[in-house]
């Protein structure tokens, strides 16, 4: 886990007096259609391919995490 997420978990665990869990979903889409915006620093084809491949797995992990914390 990246140190920044660990720091956030530690802070909120103390603040909320309980366990905090995070899930990092990275290299995500910022917009649906990059052609409508001046966002040349992003490779829209890469972003879309990564989204198509990784987002379903991220979504499944988040559902698992949600089920875990509600039980």
N, C-alpha and C. Protein backbone atom coordinates (compact mmCIF):
# COMPACT_ATOMS: atom_id res chain seq x y z
N UNK A 1 0.84 -1.17 0.00
CA UNK A 1 0.00 0.00 0.00
C UNK A 1 0.89 1.24 0.00
N UNK A 2 0.56 2.23 -0.83
CA UNK A 2 1.35 3.47 -0.85
C UNK A 2 1.34 4.14 0.52
N UNK A 3 2.44 4.75 0.89
CA UNK A 3 2.52 5.39 2.22
C UNK A 3 1.42 6.41 2.46
N UNK A 4 0.99 7.13 1.42
CA UNK A 4 -0.05 8.14 1.63
C UNK A 4 -1.38 7.51 2.03
N UNK A 5 -1.69 6.34 1.45
CA UNK A 5 -2.92 5.67 1.84
C UNK A 5 -2.81 5.11 3.25
N UNK A 6 -1.64 4.59 3.59
CA UNK A 6 -1.44 4.09 4.95
C UNK A 6 -1.57 5.22 5.96
N UNK A 7 -1.04 6.38 5.62
CA UNK A 7 -1.15 7.54 6.51
C UNK A 7 -2.61 7.94 6.67
N UNK A 8 -3.37 7.93 5.58
CA UNK A 8 -4.79 8.27 5.65
C UNK A 8 -5.55 7.25 6.50
N UNK A 9 -5.26 5.96 6.30
CA UNK A 9 -5.93 4.93 7.11
C UNK A 9 -5.62 5.13 8.59
N UNK A 10 -4.35 5.39 8.91
CA UNK A 10 -3.97 5.59 10.31
C UNK A 10 -4.69 6.80 10.91
N UNK A 11 -4.74 7.90 10.17
CA UNK A 11 -5.40 9.11 10.66
C UNK A 11 -6.88 8.86 10.91
N UNK A 12 -7.56 8.31 9.92
CA UNK A 12 -9.01 8.11 10.06
C UNK A 12 -9.35 7.02 11.06
N UNK A 13 -8.46 6.04 11.23
CA UNK A 13 -8.69 5.02 12.26
C UNK A 13 -8.71 5.66 13.64
N UNK A 14 -7.81 6.59 13.87
CA UNK A 14 -7.77 7.29 15.16
C UNK A 14 -8.95 8.25 15.29
N UNK A 15 -9.24 8.98 14.21
CA UNK A 15 -10.33 9.97 14.22
C UNK A 15 -11.69 9.29 14.42
N UNK A 16 -11.91 8.17 13.75
CA UNK A 16 -13.19 7.48 13.81
C UNK A 16 -13.24 6.40 14.88
N UNK A 17 -12.09 6.17 15.53
CA UNK A 17 -12.00 5.16 16.59
C UNK A 17 -12.44 3.79 16.08
N UNK A 18 -11.88 3.38 14.95
CA UNK A 18 -12.21 2.08 14.37
C UNK A 18 -11.28 1.73 13.24
N UNK A 19 -11.63 0.69 12.53
CA UNK A 19 -10.82 0.23 11.41
C UNK A 19 -11.24 0.94 10.13
N UNK A 20 -10.26 1.36 9.35
CA UNK A 20 -10.51 2.02 8.06
C UNK A 20 -9.80 1.20 6.99
N UNK A 21 -10.50 0.94 5.90
CA UNK A 21 -9.90 0.21 4.78
C UNK A 21 -10.03 1.05 3.53
N UNK A 22 -8.99 1.01 2.69
CA UNK A 22 -9.01 1.76 1.45
C UNK A 22 -8.71 0.82 0.29
N UNK A 23 -9.13 1.24 -0.90
CA UNK A 23 -8.81 0.52 -2.12
C UNK A 23 -8.41 1.54 -3.16
N UNK A 24 -7.23 1.43 -3.71
CA UNK A 24 -6.74 2.38 -4.70
C UNK A 24 -7.06 1.89 -6.10
N UNK A 25 -7.79 2.68 -6.84
CA UNK A 25 -8.07 2.40 -8.25
C UNK A 25 -7.33 3.47 -9.04
N UNK A 26 -6.30 3.06 -9.76
CA UNK A 26 -5.38 4.02 -10.38
C UNK A 26 -5.49 4.03 -11.91
N UNK A 27 -4.94 5.06 -12.51
CA UNK A 27 -4.93 5.23 -13.98
C UNK A 27 -6.35 5.19 -14.53
N UNK A 28 -7.24 5.91 -13.88
CA UNK A 28 -8.65 5.88 -14.22
C UNK A 28 -9.00 6.91 -15.30
N UNK A 29 -10.18 6.79 -15.85
CA UNK A 29 -10.68 7.77 -16.82
C UNK A 29 -11.09 9.04 -16.09
N UNK A 30 -10.70 10.19 -16.62
CA UNK A 30 -11.14 11.45 -16.04
C UNK A 30 -12.44 11.93 -16.70
N UNK A 31 -12.62 11.65 -17.97
CA UNK A 31 -13.80 12.03 -18.73
C UNK A 31 -14.15 10.91 -19.69
N UNK A 32 -15.39 10.89 -20.19
CA UNK A 32 -15.79 9.85 -21.14
C UNK A 32 -15.23 10.07 -22.53
N UNK A 33 -15.15 11.34 -22.94
CA UNK A 33 -14.70 11.65 -24.29
C UNK A 33 -13.58 12.68 -24.24
N UNK A 34 -12.34 12.20 -24.35
CA UNK A 34 -11.18 13.09 -24.25
C UNK A 34 -11.10 14.09 -25.42
N UNK A 35 -11.78 13.79 -26.52
CA UNK A 35 -11.71 14.69 -27.68
C UNK A 35 -12.44 16.01 -27.41
N UNK A 36 -13.28 16.07 -26.42
CA UNK A 36 -14.02 17.29 -26.09
C UNK A 36 -13.22 18.26 -25.22
N UNK A 37 -12.06 17.82 -24.76
CA UNK A 37 -11.28 18.62 -23.82
C UNK A 37 -9.83 18.73 -24.26
N UNK A 38 -9.17 19.77 -23.80
CA UNK A 38 -7.74 19.95 -24.09
C UNK A 38 -6.96 19.17 -23.02
N UNK A 39 -6.82 17.88 -23.25
CA UNK A 39 -6.16 17.00 -22.28
C UNK A 39 -5.11 16.17 -23.01
N UNK A 40 -4.24 16.85 -23.74
CA UNK A 40 -3.25 16.18 -24.57
C UNK A 40 -2.21 15.39 -23.78
N UNK A 41 -2.09 15.65 -22.49
CA UNK A 41 -1.11 14.92 -21.69
C UNK A 41 -1.56 13.49 -21.40
N UNK A 42 -2.84 13.19 -21.67
CA UNK A 42 -3.37 11.84 -21.47
C UNK A 42 -3.46 11.10 -22.79
N UNK A 43 -3.11 9.84 -22.78
CA UNK A 43 -3.28 8.97 -23.94
C UNK A 43 -4.66 8.33 -23.82
N UNK A 44 -5.63 8.88 -24.53
CA UNK A 44 -7.02 8.43 -24.37
C UNK A 44 -7.20 6.96 -24.74
N UNK A 45 -6.47 6.46 -25.73
CA UNK A 45 -6.58 5.05 -26.11
C UNK A 45 -6.08 4.15 -24.96
N UNK A 46 -4.97 4.54 -24.35
CA UNK A 46 -4.44 3.79 -23.21
C UNK A 46 -5.42 3.83 -22.04
N UNK A 47 -5.94 5.02 -21.76
CA UNK A 47 -6.88 5.16 -20.65
C UNK A 47 -8.10 4.27 -20.85
N UNK A 48 -8.65 4.27 -22.07
CA UNK A 48 -9.84 3.47 -22.34
C UNK A 48 -9.53 1.98 -22.26
N UNK A 49 -8.40 1.56 -22.80
CA UNK A 49 -8.01 0.14 -22.76
C UNK A 49 -7.80 -0.30 -21.31
N UNK A 50 -7.13 0.52 -20.52
CA UNK A 50 -6.91 0.18 -19.11
C UNK A 50 -8.24 0.11 -18.37
N UNK A 51 -9.12 1.05 -18.65
CA UNK A 51 -10.44 1.06 -18.01
C UNK A 51 -11.22 -0.22 -18.35
N UNK A 52 -11.22 -0.59 -19.62
CA UNK A 52 -11.95 -1.78 -20.04
C UNK A 52 -11.42 -3.04 -19.39
N UNK A 53 -10.11 -3.09 -19.19
CA UNK A 53 -9.47 -4.28 -18.62
C UNK A 53 -9.51 -4.28 -17.09
N UNK A 54 -9.18 -3.16 -16.47
CA UNK A 54 -8.98 -3.13 -15.02
C UNK A 54 -10.21 -2.75 -14.21
N UNK A 55 -11.06 -1.88 -14.74
CA UNK A 55 -12.18 -1.37 -13.94
C UNK A 55 -13.12 -2.47 -13.44
N UNK A 56 -13.46 -3.47 -14.24
CA UNK A 56 -14.32 -4.54 -13.70
C UNK A 56 -13.69 -5.26 -12.49
N UNK A 57 -12.39 -5.46 -12.53
CA UNK A 57 -11.70 -6.09 -11.39
C UNK A 57 -11.72 -5.16 -10.18
N UNK A 58 -11.49 -3.86 -10.39
CA UNK A 58 -11.54 -2.90 -9.29
C UNK A 58 -12.93 -2.85 -8.69
N UNK A 59 -13.94 -2.85 -9.53
CA UNK A 59 -15.31 -2.81 -9.07
C UNK A 59 -15.64 -4.04 -8.22
N UNK A 60 -15.21 -5.20 -8.66
CA UNK A 60 -15.44 -6.44 -7.91
C UNK A 60 -14.76 -6.38 -6.55
N UNK A 61 -13.53 -5.89 -6.51
CA UNK A 61 -12.81 -5.78 -5.23
C UNK A 61 -13.51 -4.80 -4.29
N UNK A 62 -14.06 -3.73 -4.85
CA UNK A 62 -14.78 -2.76 -4.02
C UNK A 62 -16.07 -3.36 -3.47
N UNK A 63 -16.77 -4.15 -4.27
CA UNK A 63 -17.96 -4.83 -3.78
C UNK A 63 -17.60 -5.78 -2.64
N UNK A 64 -16.48 -6.51 -2.78
CA UNK A 64 -16.02 -7.42 -1.72
C UNK A 64 -15.70 -6.64 -0.45
N UNK A 65 -15.02 -5.51 -0.62
CA UNK A 65 -14.67 -4.67 0.53
C UNK A 65 -15.93 -4.15 1.20
N UNK A 66 -16.90 -3.72 0.41
CA UNK A 66 -18.17 -3.25 0.97
C UNK A 66 -18.90 -4.33 1.74
N UNK A 67 -18.91 -5.55 1.20
CA UNK A 67 -19.55 -6.66 1.90
C UNK A 67 -18.81 -6.98 3.19
N UNK A 68 -17.49 -6.87 3.16
CA UNK A 68 -16.68 -7.17 4.35
C UNK A 68 -16.93 -6.17 5.47
N UNK A 69 -17.03 -4.90 5.12
CA UNK A 69 -17.17 -3.89 6.18
C UNK A 69 -18.61 -3.75 6.67
N UNK A 70 -19.57 -4.30 5.97
CA UNK A 70 -20.96 -4.21 6.43
C UNK A 70 -21.37 -5.41 7.25
N UNK A 71 -20.53 -6.41 7.34
CA UNK A 71 -20.86 -7.60 8.15
C UNK A 71 -20.29 -7.51 9.52
